[in-house]
Amino acid sequence: SSLDDYCPSEQVDYIQEKVLDVLRSLYGSLDVHLEFSPGSSSA
């Protein structure tokens, strides 16, 4: 989460994309649905 102070908010999108890259390399094409709570932000 970009709002929980666990991960620097400016790195959330980068980390998310790298995780998806690893999953794609393992499983091939993915059907990804990004869902966010109302009022939340990914950065």
PDB file of N, CA and C in Angstrom:
ATOM      1  N   SER A   1       0.836  -1.188   0.000  1.00  0.00           N
ATOM      2  CA  SER A   1       0.000   0.000   0.000  1.00  0.00           C
ATOM      3  C   SER A   1       0.875   1.244   0.000  1.00  0.00           C
ATOM      4  N   SER A   2       0.451   2.220  -0.709  1.00  0.00           N
ATOM      5  CA  SER A   2       1.212   3.469  -0.751  1.00  0.00           C
ATOM      6  C   SER A   2       0.925   4.355   0.448  1.00  0.00           C
ATOM      7  N   LEU A   3      -0.046   3.985   1.262  1.00  0.00           N
ATOM      8  CA  LEU A   3      -0.448   4.851   2.370  1.00  0.00           C
ATOM      9  C   LEU A   3      -0.139   4.284   3.744  1.00  0.00           C
ATOM     10  N   ASP A   4       0.549   3.146   3.837  1.00  0.00           N
ATOM     11  CA  ASP A   4       0.733   2.507   5.143  1.00  0.00           C
ATOM     12  C   ASP A   4       2.098   2.755   5.781  1.00  0.00           C
ATOM     13  N   ASP A   5       2.946   3.585   5.175  1.00  0.00           N
ATOM     14  CA  ASP A   5       4.279   3.903   5.689  1.00  0.00           C
ATOM     15  C   ASP A   5       5.220   2.707   5.732  1.00  0.00           C
ATOM     16  N   TYR A   6       4.815   1.563   5.196  1.00  0.00           N
ATOM     17  CA  TYR A   6       5.691   0.392   5.154  1.00  0.00           C
ATOM     18  C   TYR A   6       6.661   0.503   3.986  1.00  0.00           C
ATOM     19  N   CYS A   7       6.157   0.967   2.874  1.00  0.00           N
ATOM     20  CA  CYS A   7       6.951   1.111   1.656  1.00  0.00           C
ATOM     21  C   CYS A   7       6.911   2.581   1.248  1.00  0.00           C
ATOM     22  N   PRO A   8       8.047   3.158   0.866  1.00  0.00           N
ATOM     23  CA  PRO A   8       8.029   4.557   0.420  1.00  0.00           C
ATOM     24  C   PRO A   8       7.044   4.741  -0.737  1.00  0.00           C
ATOM     25  N   SER A   9       6.142   5.689  -0.597  1.00  0.00           N
ATOM     26  CA  SER A   9       5.072   5.861  -1.583  1.00  0.00           C
ATOM     27  C   SER A   9       5.594   6.088  -2.997  1.00  0.00           C
ATOM     28  N   GLU A  10       6.750   6.735  -3.135  1.00  0.00           N
ATOM     29  CA  GLU A  10       7.284   6.991  -4.471  1.00  0.00           C
ATOM     30  C   GLU A  10       7.816   5.721  -5.137  1.00  0.00           C
ATOM     31  N   GLN A  11       7.922   4.608  -4.402  1.00  0.00           N
ATOM     32  CA  GLN A  11       8.426   3.357  -4.958  1.00  0.00           C
ATOM     33  C   GLN A  11       7.330   2.320  -5.216  1.00  0.00           C
ATOM     34  N   VAL A  12       6.103   2.610  -4.811  1.00  0.00           N
ATOM     35  CA  VAL A  12       5.026   1.622  -4.911  1.00  0.00           C
ATOM     36  C   VAL A  12       4.790   1.182  -6.351  1.00  0.00           C
ATOM     37  N   ASP A  13       4.646   2.115  -7.284  1.00  0.00           N
ATOM     38  CA  ASP A  13       4.383   1.751  -8.679  1.00  0.00           C
ATOM     39  C   ASP A  13       5.520   0.925  -9.267  1.00  0.00           C
ATOM     40  N   TYR A  14       6.757   1.300  -8.963  1.00  0.00           N
ATOM     41  CA  TYR A  14       7.923   0.563  -9.459  1.00  0.00           C
ATOM     42  C   TYR A  14       7.921  -0.874  -8.929  1.00  0.00           C
ATOM     43  N   ILE A  15       7.714  -1.030  -7.646  1.00  0.00           N
ATOM     44  CA  ILE A  15       7.711  -2.365  -7.029  1.00  0.00           C
ATOM     45  C   ILE A  15       6.566  -3.200  -7.586  1.00  0.00           C
ATOM     46  N   GLN A  16       5.388  -2.593  -7.709  1.00  0.00           N
ATOM     47  CA  GLN A  16       4.234  -3.309  -8.259  1.00  0.00           C
ATOM     48  C   GLN A  16       4.533  -3.816  -9.664  1.00  0.00           C
ATOM     49  N   GLU A  17       5.119  -2.980 -10.505  1.00  0.00           N
ATOM     50  CA  GLU A  17       5.421  -3.387 -11.876  1.00  0.00           C
ATOM     51  C   GLU A  17       6.463  -4.498 -11.909  1.00  0.00           C
ATOM     52  N   LYS A  18       7.467  -4.436 -11.052  1.00  0.00           N
ATOM     53  CA  LYS A  18       8.494  -5.480 -11.008  1.00  0.00           C
ATOM     54  C   LYS A  18       7.911  -6.811 -10.533  1.00  0.00           C
ATOM     55  N   VAL A  19       7.015  -6.773  -9.562  1.00  0.00           N
ATOM     56  CA  VAL A  19       6.352  -8.002  -9.104  1.00  0.00           C
ATOM     57  C   VAL A  19       5.529  -8.595 -10.241  1.00  0.00           C
ATOM     58  N   LEU A  20       4.790  -7.757 -10.956  1.00  0.00           N
ATOM     59  CA  LEU A  20       4.010  -8.251 -12.089  1.00  0.00           C
ATOM     60  C   LEU A  20       4.919  -8.817 -13.177  1.00  0.00           C
ATOM     61  N   ASP A  21       6.073  -8.208 -13.404  1.00  0.00           N
ATOM     62  CA  ASP A  21       7.033  -8.737 -14.385  1.00  0.00           C
ATOM     63  C   ASP A  21       7.485 -10.147 -14.007  1.00  0.00           C
ATOM     64  N   VAL A  22       7.772 -10.369 -12.736  1.00  0.00           N
ATOM     65  CA  VAL A  22       8.195 -11.698 -12.272  1.00  0.00           C
ATOM     66  C   VAL A  22       7.063 -12.700 -12.461  1.00  0.00           C
ATOM     67  N   LEU A  23       5.849 -12.315 -12.098  1.00  0.00           N
ATOM     68  CA  LEU A  23       4.710 -13.221 -12.266  1.00  0.00           C
ATOM     69  C   LEU A  23       4.485 -13.550 -13.736  1.00  0.00           C
ATOM     70  N   ARG A  24       4.625 -12.550 -14.614  1.00  0.00           N
ATOM     71  CA  ARG A  24       4.481 -12.803 -16.052  1.00  0.00           C
ATOM     72  C   ARG A  24       5.550 -13.766 -16.548  1.00  0.00           C
ATOM     73  N   SER A  25       6.767 -13.630 -16.030  1.00  0.00           N
ATOM     74  CA  SER A  25       7.843 -14.519 -16.475  1.00  0.00           C
ATOM     75  C   SER A  25       7.595 -15.952 -16.018  1.00  0.00           C
ATOM     76  N   LEU A  26       6.928 -16.113 -14.889  1.00  0.00           N
ATOM     77  CA  LEU A  26       6.636 -17.454 -14.378  1.00  0.00           C
ATOM     78  C   LEU A  26       5.399 -18.074 -15.010  1.00  0.00           C
ATOM     79  N   TYR A  27       4.358 -17.264 -15.219  1.00  0.00           N
ATOM     80  CA  TYR A  27       3.055 -17.792 -15.617  1.00  0.00           C
ATOM     81  C   TYR A  27       2.590 -17.355 -16.993  1.00  0.00           C
ATOM     82  N   GLY A  28       3.348 -16.503 -17.667  1.00  0.00           N
ATOM     83  CA  GLY A  28       2.925 -16.014 -18.972  1.00  0.00           C
ATOM     84  C   GLY A  28       1.964 -14.849 -18.831  1.00  0.00           C
ATOM     85  N   SER A  29       1.107 -14.709 -19.807  1.00  0.00           N
ATOM     86  CA  SER A  29       0.168 -13.592 -19.828  1.00  0.00           C
ATOM     87  C   SER A  29      -0.722 -13.604 -18.590  1.00  0.00           C
ATOM     88  N   LEU A  30      -0.922 -12.429 -18.013  1.00  0.00           N
ATOM     89  CA  LEU A  30      -1.753 -12.303 -16.823  1.00  0.00           C
ATOM     90  C   LEU A  30      -2.956 -11.424 -17.120  1.00  0.00           C
ATOM     91  N   ASP A  31      -4.061 -11.705 -16.452  1.00  0.00           N
ATOM     92  CA  ASP A  31      -5.246 -10.856 -16.508  1.00  0.00           C
ATOM     93  C   ASP A  31      -5.293 -10.109 -15.182  1.00  0.00           C
ATOM     94  N   VAL A  32      -4.704  -8.921 -15.150  1.00  0.00           N
ATOM     95  CA  VAL A  32      -4.529  -8.168 -13.907  1.00  0.00           C
ATOM     96  C   VAL A  32      -5.641  -7.140 -13.759  1.00  0.00           C
ATOM     97  N   HIS A  33      -6.236  -7.114 -12.582  1.00  0.00           N
ATOM     98  CA  HIS A  33      -7.261  -6.126 -12.242  1.00  0.00           C
ATOM     99  C   HIS A  33      -6.763  -5.351 -11.029  1.00  0.00           C
ATOM    100  N   LEU A  34      -6.428  -4.091 -11.227  1.00  0.00           N
ATOM    101  CA  LEU A  34      -5.950  -3.262 -10.127  1.00  0.00           C
ATOM    102  C   LEU A  34      -7.155  -2.577  -9.492  1.00  0.00           C
ATOM    103  N   GLU A  35      -7.370  -2.844  -8.226  1.00  0.00           N
ATOM    104  CA  GLU A  35      -8.499  -2.261  -7.516  1.00  0.00           C
ATOM    105  C   GLU A  35      -7.987  -1.472  -6.327  1.00  0.00           C
ATOM    106  N   PHE A  36      -8.507  -0.268  -6.183  1.00  0.00           N
ATOM    107  CA  PHE A  36      -8.101   0.611  -5.098  1.00  0.00           C
ATOM    108  C   PHE A  36      -9.335   1.072  -4.344  1.00  0.00           C
ATOM    109  N   SER A  37      -9.188   1.280  -3.062  1.00  0.00           N
ATOM    110  CA  SER A  37     -10.284   1.799  -2.252  1.00  0.00           C
ATOM    111  C   SER A  37     -10.609   3.217  -2.702  1.00  0.00           C
ATOM    112  N   PRO A  38     -11.884   3.608  -2.618  1.00  0.00           N
ATOM    113  CA  PRO A  38     -12.238   4.989  -2.974  1.00  0.00           C
ATOM    114  C   PRO A  38     -11.417   5.976  -2.146  1.00  0.00           C
ATOM    115  N   GLY A  39     -10.895   6.981  -2.811  1.00  0.00           N
ATOM    116  CA  GLY A  39     -10.118   8.000  -2.126  1.00  0.00           C
ATOM    117  C   GLY A  39      -8.668   7.646  -1.929  1.00  0.00           C
ATOM    118  N   SER A  40      -8.269   6.427  -2.272  1.00  0.00           N
ATOM    119  CA  SER A  40      -6.865   6.048  -2.116  1.00  0.00           C
ATOM    120  C   SER A  40      -6.114   6.400  -3.382  1.00  0.00           C
ATOM    121  N   SER A  41      -4.815   6.400  -3.266  1.00  0.00           N
ATOM    122  CA  SER A  41      -3.946   6.737  -4.388  1.00  0.00           C
ATOM    123  C   SER A  41      -2.824   5.725  -4.442  1.00  0.00           C
ATOM    124  N   SER A  42      -2.322   5.430  -5.646  1.00  0.00           N
ATOM    125  CA  SER A  42      -1.217   4.483  -5.763  1.00  0.00           C
ATOM    126  C   SER A  42       0.128   5.157  -5.575  1.00  0.00           C
ATOM    127  N   ALA A  43       0.137   6.459  -5.445  1.00  0.00           N
ATOM    128  CA  ALA A  43       1.409   7.166  -5.198  1.00  0.00           C
ATOM    129  C   ALA A  43       1.172   8.415  -4.385  1.00  0.00           C
TER     130      ALA A  43
END
